Amino acid sequence: MKKQSLMEKIENINHAGKKVKYVINSVLCHGCDFCKKNCSAGAIYGEIKQPHKIDWKKCICCGSCESVCPFKAISCQTELLS
């Protein structure tokens, strides 16, 4: 049996068999930096007043970015694991 990384374990616990990915809508993002400052994994990058992006290799899918975005520019996309 293959060992799971910590990120995979967290994802499986938090999302019960669903593959989760957070995305930033570049049209709605104002580059305010709230999400970037609240990301404990350091997965969000971008310049002030420019749309930000998420590095999915670093993202632990905790949802803190979505919860602090005043413009509702961040959303969670899920799909069932096969």
PDB file of N, CA and C in Angstrom:
ATOM      1  N   MET A   1       0.835  -1.185   0.000  1.00  0.00           N
ATOM      2  CA  MET A   1       0.000   0.000   0.000  1.00  0.00           C
ATOM      3  C   MET A   1       0.883   1.254   0.000  1.00  0.00           C
ATOM      4  N   LYS A   2       0.541   2.209  -0.860  1.00  0.00           N
ATOM      5  CA  LYS A   2       1.309   3.439  -0.993  1.00  0.00           C
ATOM      6  C   LYS A   2       1.058   4.364   0.193  1.00  0.00           C
ATOM      7  N   LYS A   3       2.140   4.980   0.712  1.00  0.00           N
ATOM      8  CA  LYS A   3       2.000   5.940   1.795  1.00  0.00           C
ATOM      9  C   LYS A   3       1.387   7.222   1.252  1.00  0.00           C
ATOM     10  N   GLN A   4       0.475   7.817   2.043  1.00  0.00           N
ATOM     11  CA  GLN A   4      -0.128   9.079   1.647  1.00  0.00           C
ATOM     12  C   GLN A   4       0.676  10.233   2.207  1.00  0.00           C
ATOM     13  N   SER A   5       0.765  11.301   1.442  1.00  0.00           N
ATOM     14  CA  SER A   5       1.409  12.510   1.954  1.00  0.00           C
ATOM     15  C   SER A   5       0.448  13.179   2.935  1.00  0.00           C
ATOM     16  N   LEU A   6       0.972  14.081   3.741  1.00  0.00           N
ATOM     17  CA  LEU A   6       0.136  14.803   4.698  1.00  0.00           C
ATOM     18  C   LEU A   6      -0.973  15.550   3.973  1.00  0.00           C
ATOM     19  N   MET A   7      -0.651  16.154   2.841  1.00  0.00           N
ATOM     20  CA  MET A   7      -1.660  16.891   2.070  1.00  0.00           C
ATOM     21  C   MET A   7      -2.799  15.973   1.630  1.00  0.00           C
ATOM     22  N   GLU A   8      -2.470  14.788   1.159  1.00  0.00           N
ATOM     23  CA  GLU A   8      -3.502  13.831   0.733  1.00  0.00           C
ATOM     24  C   GLU A   8      -4.367  13.395   1.907  1.00  0.00           C
ATOM     25  N   LYS A   9      -3.755  13.198   3.070  1.00  0.00           N
ATOM     26  CA  LYS A   9      -4.522  12.808   4.252  1.00  0.00           C
ATOM     27  C   LYS A   9      -5.502  13.896   4.652  1.00  0.00           C
ATOM     28  N   ILE A  10      -5.029  15.142   4.666  1.00  0.00           N
ATOM     29  CA  ILE A  10      -5.904  16.271   5.013  1.00  0.00           C
ATOM     30  C   ILE A  10      -7.042  16.376   4.017  1.00  0.00           C
ATOM     31  N   GLU A  11      -6.724  16.259   2.737  1.00  0.00           N
ATOM     32  CA  GLU A  11      -7.759  16.354   1.698  1.00  0.00           C
ATOM     33  C   GLU A  11      -8.809  15.266   1.878  1.00  0.00           C
ATOM     34  N   ASN A  12      -8.382  14.047   2.156  1.00  0.00           N
ATOM     35  CA  ASN A  12      -9.327  12.938   2.327  1.00  0.00           C
ATOM     36  C   ASN A  12     -10.195  13.120   3.561  1.00  0.00           C
ATOM     37  N   ILE A  13      -9.630  13.620   4.637  1.00  0.00           N
ATOM     38  CA  ILE A  13     -10.410  13.838   5.856  1.00  0.00           C
ATOM     39  C   ILE A  13     -11.422  14.952   5.645  1.00  0.00           C
ATOM     40  N   ASN A  14     -10.979  16.067   5.099  1.00  0.00           N
ATOM     41  CA  ASN A  14     -11.838  17.238   4.952  1.00  0.00           C
ATOM     42  C   ASN A  14     -12.894  17.091   3.867  1.00  0.00           C
ATOM     43  N   HIS A  15     -12.650  16.287   2.861  1.00  0.00           N
ATOM     44  CA  HIS A  15     -13.525  16.295   1.700  1.00  0.00           C
ATOM     45  C   HIS A  15     -14.097  14.925   1.332  1.00  0.00           C
ATOM     46  N   ALA A  16     -13.944  13.953   2.202  1.00  0.00           N
ATOM     47  CA  ALA A  16     -14.589  12.642   2.112  1.00  0.00           C
ATOM     48  C   ALA A  16     -14.736  12.093   0.695  1.00  0.00           C
ATOM     49  N   GLY A  17     -13.629  11.780   0.085  1.00  0.00           N
ATOM     50  CA  GLY A  17     -13.677  11.113  -1.213  1.00  0.00           C
ATOM     51  C   GLY A  17     -13.916  12.021  -2.402  1.00  0.00           C
ATOM     52  N   LYS A  18     -13.783  13.323  -2.214  1.00  0.00           N
ATOM     53  CA  LYS A  18     -13.938  14.253  -3.323  1.00  0.00           C
ATOM     54  C   LYS A  18     -12.605  14.958  -3.560  1.00  0.00           C
ATOM     55  N   LYS A  19     -12.284  15.151  -4.821  1.00  0.00           N
ATOM     56  CA  LYS A  19     -11.092  15.910  -5.172  1.00  0.00           C
ATOM     57  C   LYS A  19     -11.480  17.391  -5.140  1.00  0.00           C
ATOM     58  N   VAL A  20     -10.734  18.170  -4.377  1.00  0.00           N
ATOM     59  CA  VAL A  20     -11.066  19.569  -4.161  1.00  0.00           C
ATOM     60  C   VAL A  20      -9.977  20.458  -4.738  1.00  0.00           C
ATOM     61  N   LYS A  21     -10.408  21.559  -5.330  1.00  0.00           N
ATOM     62  CA  LYS A  21      -9.462  22.527  -5.868  1.00  0.00           C
ATOM     63  C   LYS A  21     -10.084  23.915  -5.711  1.00  0.00           C
ATOM     64  N   TYR A  22      -9.347  24.828  -5.113  1.00  0.00           N
ATOM     65  CA  TYR A  22      -9.817  26.200  -4.987  1.00  0.00           C
ATOM     66  C   TYR A  22      -9.319  26.996  -6.186  1.00  0.00           C
ATOM     67  N   VAL A  23     -10.184  27.849  -6.713  1.00  0.00           N
ATOM     68  CA  VAL A  23      -9.828  28.663  -7.877  1.00  0.00           C
ATOM     69  C   VAL A  23     -10.173  30.122  -7.603  1.00  0.00           C
ATOM     70  N   ILE A  24      -9.402  31.002  -8.200  1.00  0.00           N
ATOM     71  CA  ILE A  24      -9.644  32.437  -8.083  1.00  0.00           C
ATOM     72  C   ILE A  24     -10.152  32.953  -9.418  1.00  0.00           C
ATOM     73  N   ASN A  25     -11.310  33.579  -9.380  1.00  0.00           N
ATOM     74  CA  ASN A  25     -11.892  34.190 -10.577  1.00  0.00           C
ATOM     75  C   ASN A  25     -11.160  35.511 -10.816  1.00  0.00           C
ATOM     76  N   SER A  26     -10.406  35.584 -11.898  1.00  0.00           N
ATOM     77  CA  SER A  26      -9.575  36.763 -12.168  1.00  0.00           C
ATOM     78  C   SER A  26     -10.411  38.010 -12.459  1.00  0.00           C
ATOM     79  N   VAL A  27     -11.651  37.836 -12.857  1.00  0.00           N
ATOM     80  CA  VAL A  27     -12.530  38.985 -13.102  1.00  0.00           C
ATOM     81  C   VAL A  27     -12.979  39.609 -11.774  1.00  0.00           C
ATOM     82  N   LEU A  28     -13.236  38.764 -10.779  1.00  0.00           N
ATOM     83  CA  LEU A  28     -13.711  39.252  -9.481  1.00  0.00           C
ATOM     84  C   LEU A  28     -12.591  39.648  -8.528  1.00  0.00           C
ATOM     85  N   CYS A  29     -11.389  39.101  -8.733  1.00  0.00           N
ATOM     86  CA  CYS A  29     -10.260  39.361  -7.825  1.00  0.00           C
ATOM     87  C   CYS A  29      -9.740  40.781  -8.020  1.00  0.00           C
ATOM     88  N   HIS A  30      -9.623  41.514  -6.896  1.00  0.00           N
ATOM     89  CA  HIS A  30      -9.117  42.885  -6.919  1.00  0.00           C
ATOM     90  C   HIS A  30      -7.667  42.966  -6.458  1.00  0.00           C
ATOM     91  N   GLY A  31      -7.069  41.835  -6.102  1.00  0.00           N
ATOM     92  CA  GLY A  31      -5.678  41.841  -5.646  1.00  0.00           C
ATOM     93  C   GLY A  31      -5.497  42.526  -4.305  1.00  0.00           C
ATOM     94  N   CYS A  32      -6.466  42.346  -3.411  1.00  0.00           N
ATOM     95  CA  CYS A  32      -6.426  43.023  -2.101  1.00  0.00           C
ATOM     96  C   CYS A  32      -5.443  42.369  -1.127  1.00  0.00           C
ATOM     97  N   ASP A  33      -5.021  41.148  -1.395  1.00  0.00           N
ATOM     98  CA  ASP A  33      -4.032  40.426  -0.590  1.00  0.00           C
ATOM     99  C   ASP A  33      -4.591  39.741   0.662  1.00  0.00           C
ATOM    100  N   PHE A  34      -5.894  39.855   0.960  1.00  0.00           N
ATOM    101  CA  PHE A  34      -6.453  39.185   2.143  1.00  0.00           C
ATOM    102  C   PHE A  34      -6.223  37.675   2.068  1.00  0.00           C
ATOM    103  N   CYS A  35      -6.489  37.090   0.919  1.00  0.00           N
ATOM    104  CA  CYS A  35      -6.332  35.638   0.773  1.00  0.00           C
ATOM    105  C   CYS A  35      -4.868  35.241   0.943  1.00  0.00           C
ATOM    106  N   LYS A  36      -3.987  35.998   0.328  1.00  0.00           N
ATOM    107  CA  LYS A  36      -2.557  35.707   0.390  1.00  0.00           C
ATOM    108  C   LYS A  36      -2.044  35.774   1.830  1.00  0.00           C
ATOM    109  N   LYS A  37      -2.485  36.768   2.570  1.00  0.00           N
ATOM    110  CA  LYS A  37      -2.053  36.935   3.958  1.00  0.00           C
ATOM    111  C   LYS A  37      -2.615  35.847   4.867  1.00  0.00           C
ATOM    112  N   ASN A  38      -3.765  35.286   4.510  1.00  0.00           N
ATOM    113  CA  ASN A  38      -4.411  34.276   5.346  1.00  0.00           C
ATOM    114  C   ASN A  38      -4.088  32.842   4.932  1.00  0.00           C
ATOM    115  N   CYS A  39      -3.309  32.659   3.888  1.00  0.00           N
ATOM    116  CA  CYS A  39      -2.968  31.319   3.412  1.00  0.00           C
ATOM    117  C   CYS A  39      -1.787  30.767   4.217  1.00  0.00           C
ATOM    118  N   SER A  40      -2.069  29.808   5.076  1.00  0.00           N
ATOM    119  CA  SER A  40      -1.010  29.240   5.926  1.00  0.00           C
ATOM    120  C   SER A  40      -0.008  28.410   5.131  1.00  0.00           C
ATOM    121  N   ALA A  41      -0.392  27.968   3.945  1.00  0.00           N
ATOM    122  CA  ALA A  41       0.502  27.159   3.119  1.00  0.00           C
ATOM    123  C   ALA A  41       1.358  28.003   2.174  1.00  0.00           C
ATOM    124  N   GLY A  42       1.079  29.294   2.093  1.00  0.00           N
ATOM    125  CA  GLY A  42       1.823  30.151   1.175  1.00  0.00           C
ATOM    126  C   GLY A  42       1.566  29.816  -0.280  1.00  0.00           C
ATOM    127  N   ALA A  43       0.343  29.367  -0.570  1.00  0.00           N
ATOM    128  CA  ALA A  43       0.009  28.897  -1.910  1.00  0.00           C
ATOM    129  C   ALA A  43      -0.549  29.972  -2.837  1.00  0.00           C
ATOM    130  N   ILE A  44      -0.808  31.154  -2.313  1.00  0.00           N
ATOM    131  CA  ILE A  44      -1.400  32.215  -3.133  1.00  0.00           C
ATOM    132  C   ILE A  44      -0.345  33.267  -3.427  1.00  0.00           C
ATOM    133  N   TYR A  45      -0.306  33.670  -4.700  1.00  0.00           N
ATOM    134  CA  TYR A  45       0.679  34.662  -5.100  1.00  0.00           C
ATOM    135  C   TYR A  45       0.049  35.672  -6.052  1.00  0.00           C
ATOM    136  N   GLY A  46       0.667  36.821  -6.133  1.00  0.00           N
ATOM    137  CA  GLY A  46       0.187  37.875  -7.019  1.00  0.00           C
ATOM    138  C   GLY A  46       0.561  39.237  -6.462  1.00  0.00           C
ATOM    139  N   GLU A  47       0.514  40.217  -7.322  1.00  0.00           N
ATOM    140  CA  GLU A  47       0.849  41.588  -6.940  1.00  0.00           C
ATOM    141  C   GLU A  47      -0.411  42.304  -6.445  1.00  0.00           C
ATOM    142  N   ILE A  48      -0.222  43.279  -5.573  1.00  0.00           N
ATOM    143  CA  ILE A  48      -1.328  44.109  -5.088  1.00  0.00           C
ATOM    144  C   ILE A  48      -2.034  44.730  -6.292  1.00  0.00           C
ATOM    145  N   LYS A  49      -3.347  44.753  -6.240  1.00  0.00           N
ATOM    146  CA  LYS A  49      -4.224  45.319  -7.277  1.00  0.00           C
ATOM    147  C   LYS A  49      -4.180  44.554  -8.593  1.00  0.00           C
ATOM    148  N   GLN A  50      -3.647  43.336  -8.558  1.00  0.00           N
ATOM    149  CA  GLN A  50      -3.651  42.442  -9.725  1.00  0.00           C
ATOM    150  C   GLN A  50      -4.295  41.131  -9.307  1.00  0.00           C
ATOM    151  N   PRO A  51      -4.998  40.453 -10.210  1.00  0.00           N
ATOM    152  CA  PRO A  51      -5.596  39.157  -9.841  1.00  0.00           C
ATOM    153  C   PRO A  51      -4.540  38.181  -9.337  1.00  0.00           C
ATOM    154  N   HIS A  52      -4.866  37.495  -8.258  1.00  0.00           N
ATOM    155  CA  HIS A  52      -3.961  36.527  -7.653  1.00  0.00           C
ATOM    156  C   HIS A  52      -4.200  35.132  -8.232  1.00  0.00           C
ATOM    157  N   LYS A  53      -3.281  34.227  -7.950  1.00  0.00           N
ATOM    158  CA  LYS A  53      -3.373  32.840  -8.417  1.00  0.00           C
ATOM    159  C   LYS A  53      -3.044  31.905  -7.262  1.00  0.00           C
ATOM    160  N   ILE A  54      -3.461  30.652  -7.407  1.00  0.00           N
ATOM    161  CA  ILE A  54      -3.194  29.631  -6.398  1.00  0.00           C
ATOM    162  C   ILE A  54      -2.237  28.592  -6.974  1.00  0.00           C
ATOM    163  N   ASP A  55      -1.195  28.288  -6.220  1.00  0.00           N
ATOM    164  CA  ASP A  55      -0.266  27.217  -6.579  1.00  0.00           C
ATOM    165  C   ASP A  55      -0.840  25.933  -5.988  1.00  0.00           C
ATOM    166  N   TRP A  56      -1.447  25.091  -6.816  1.00  0.00           N
ATOM    167  CA  TRP A  56      -2.135  23.891  -6.345  1.00  0.00           C
ATOM    168  C   TRP A  56      -1.184  22.851  -5.766  1.00  0.00           C
ATOM    169  N   LYS A  57       0.084  22.957  -6.071  1.00  0.00           N
ATOM    170  CA  LYS A  57       1.055  22.036  -5.472  1.00  0.00           C
ATOM    171  C   LYS A  57       1.287  22.352  -3.999  1.00  0.00           C
ATOM    172  N   LYS A  58       1.049  23.607  -3.609  1.00  0.00           N
ATOM    173  CA  LYS A  58       1.228  24.022  -2.222  1.00  0.00           C
ATOM    174  C   LYS A  58      -0.094  24.034  -1.444  1.00  0.00           C
ATOM    175  N   CYS A  59      -1.204  24.207  -2.132  1.00  0.00           N
ATOM    176  CA  CYS A  59      -2.512  24.366  -1.493  1.00  0.00           C
ATOM    177  C   CYS A  59      -2.896  23.115  -0.700  1.00  0.00           C
ATOM    178  N   ILE A  60      -3.325  23.320   0.559  1.00  0.00           N
ATOM    179  CA  ILE A  60      -3.761  22.196   1.400  1.00  0.00           C
ATOM    180  C   ILE A  60      -5.291  22.121   1.491  1.00  0.00           C
ATOM    181  N   CYS A  61      -5.974  22.913   0.694  1.00  0.00           N
ATOM    182  CA  CYS A  61      -7.445  22.879   0.594  1.00  0.00           C
ATOM    183  C   CYS A  61      -8.138  23.135   1.926  1.00  0.00           C
ATOM    184  N   CYS A  62      -7.641  24.078   2.694  1.00  0.00           N
ATOM    185  CA  CYS A  62      -8.237  24.370   4.002  1.00  0.00           C
ATOM    186  C   CYS A  62      -9.434  25.309   3.902  1.00  0.00           C
ATOM    187  N   GLY A  63      -9.495  26.117   2.838  1.00  0.00           N
ATOM    188  CA  GLY A  63     -10.632  27.008   2.634  1.00  0.00           C
ATOM    189  C   GLY A  63     -10.508  28.370   3.284  1.00  0.00           C
ATOM    190  N   SER A  64      -9.385  28.652   3.937  1.00  0.00           N
ATOM    191  CA  SER A  64      -9.262  29.954   4.602  1.00  0.00           C
ATOM    192  C   SER A  64      -9.286  31.105   3.598  1.00  0.00           C
ATOM    193  N   CYS A  65      -8.756  30.901   2.418  1.00  0.00           N
ATOM    194  CA  CYS A  65      -8.752  31.950   1.395  1.00  0.00           C
ATOM    195  C   CYS A  65     -10.179  32.319   0.981  1.00  0.00           C
ATOM    196  N   GLU A  66     -10.988  31.299   0.777  1.00  0.00           N
ATOM    197  CA  GLU A  66     -12.377  31.523   0.363  1.00  0.00           C
ATOM    198  C   GLU A  66     -13.146  32.283   1.447  1.00  0.00           C
ATOM    199  N   SER A  67     -12.884  31.951   2.692  1.00  0.00           N
ATOM    200  CA  SER A  67     -13.642  32.555   3.786  1.00  0.00           C
ATOM    201  C   SER A  67     -13.299  34.029   4.025  1.00  0.00           C
ATOM    202  N   VAL A  68     -12.113  34.488   3.622  1.00  0.00           N
ATOM    203  CA  VAL A  68     -11.731  35.879   3.868  1.00  0.00           C
ATOM    204  C   VAL A  68     -11.878  36.793   2.650  1.00  0.00           C
ATOM    205  N   CYS A  69     -12.180  36.248   1.500  1.00  0.00           N
ATOM    206  CA  CYS A  69     -12.262  37.067   0.283  1.00  0.00           C
ATOM    207  C   CYS A  69     -13.511  37.963   0.307  1.00  0.00           C
ATOM    208  N   PRO A  70     -13.316  39.284   0.361  1.00  0.00           N
ATOM    209  CA  PRO A  70     -14.467  40.185   0.411  1.00  0.00           C
ATOM    210  C   PRO A  70     -15.207  40.306  -0.921  1.00  0.00           C
ATOM    211  N   PHE A  71     -14.598  39.838  -2.002  1.00  0.00           N
ATOM    212  CA  PHE A  71     -15.190  39.962  -3.327  1.00  0.00           C
ATOM    213  C   PHE A  71     -15.781  38.656  -3.848  1.00  0.00           C
ATOM    214  N   LYS A  72     -15.745  37.605  -3.012  1.00  0.00           N
ATOM    215  CA  LYS A  72     -16.262  36.274  -3.391  1.00  0.00           C
ATOM    216  C   LYS A  72     -15.608  35.780  -4.686  1.00  0.00           C
ATOM    217  N   ALA A  73     -14.313  36.079  -4.832  1.00  0.00           N
ATOM    218  CA  ALA A  73     -13.579  35.694  -6.039  1.00  0.00           C
ATOM    219  C   ALA A  73     -13.027  34.276  -5.970  1.00  0.00           C
ATOM    220  N   ILE A  74     -13.058  33.663  -4.785  1.00  0.00           N
ATOM    221  CA  ILE A  74     -12.494  32.325  -4.621  1.00  0.00           C
ATOM    222  C   ILE A  74     -13.610  31.327  -4.390  1.00  0.00           C
ATOM    223  N   SER A  75     -13.550  30.234  -5.130  1.00  0.00           N
ATOM    224  CA  SER A  75     -14.565  29.195  -4.957  1.00  0.00           C
ATOM    225  C   SER A  75     -13.907  27.824  -4.946  1.00  0.00           C
ATOM    226  N   CYS A  76     -14.647  26.873  -4.406  1.00  0.00           N
ATOM    227  CA  CYS A  76     -14.175  25.500  -4.277  1.00  0.00           C
ATOM    228  C   CYS A  76     -14.830  24.665  -5.361  1.00  0.00           C
ATOM    229  N   GLN A  77     -14.018  23.979  -6.123  1.00  0.00           N
ATOM    230  CA  GLN A  77     -14.527  23.051  -7.133  1.00  0.00           C
ATOM    231  C   GLN A  77     -14.254  21.640  -6.639  1.00  0.00           C
ATOM    232  N   THR A  78     -15.261  20.777  -6.726  1.00  0.00           N
ATOM    233  CA  THR A  78     -15.073  19.392  -6.294  1.00  0.00           C
ATOM    234  C   THR A  78     -15.472  18.433  -7.394  1.00  0.00           C
ATOM    235  N   GLU A  79     -14.847  17.270  -7.373  1.00  0.00           N
ATOM    236  CA  GLU A  79     -15.238  16.184  -8.262  1.00  0.00           C
ATOM    237  C   GLU A  79     -15.006  14.884  -7.496  1.00  0.00           C
ATOM    238  N   LEU A  80     -15.808  13.909  -7.747  1.00  0.00           N
ATOM    239  CA  LEU A  80     -15.665  12.636  -7.067  1.00  0.00           C
ATOM    240  C   LEU A  80     -14.389  11.939  -7.517  1.00  0.00           C
ATOM    241  N   LEU A  81     -13.678  11.345  -6.563  1.00  0.00           N
ATOM    242  CA  LEU A  81     -12.493  10.568  -6.898  1.00  0.00           C
ATOM    243  C   LEU A  81     -12.927   9.254  -7.515  1.00  0.00           C
ATOM    244  N   SER A  82     -12.227   8.818  -8.517  1.00  0.00           N
ATOM    245  CA  SER A  82     -12.596   7.559  -9.158  1.00  0.00           C
ATOM    246  C   SER A  82     -11.693   6.437  -8.705  1.00  0.00           C
TER     247      SER A  82
END
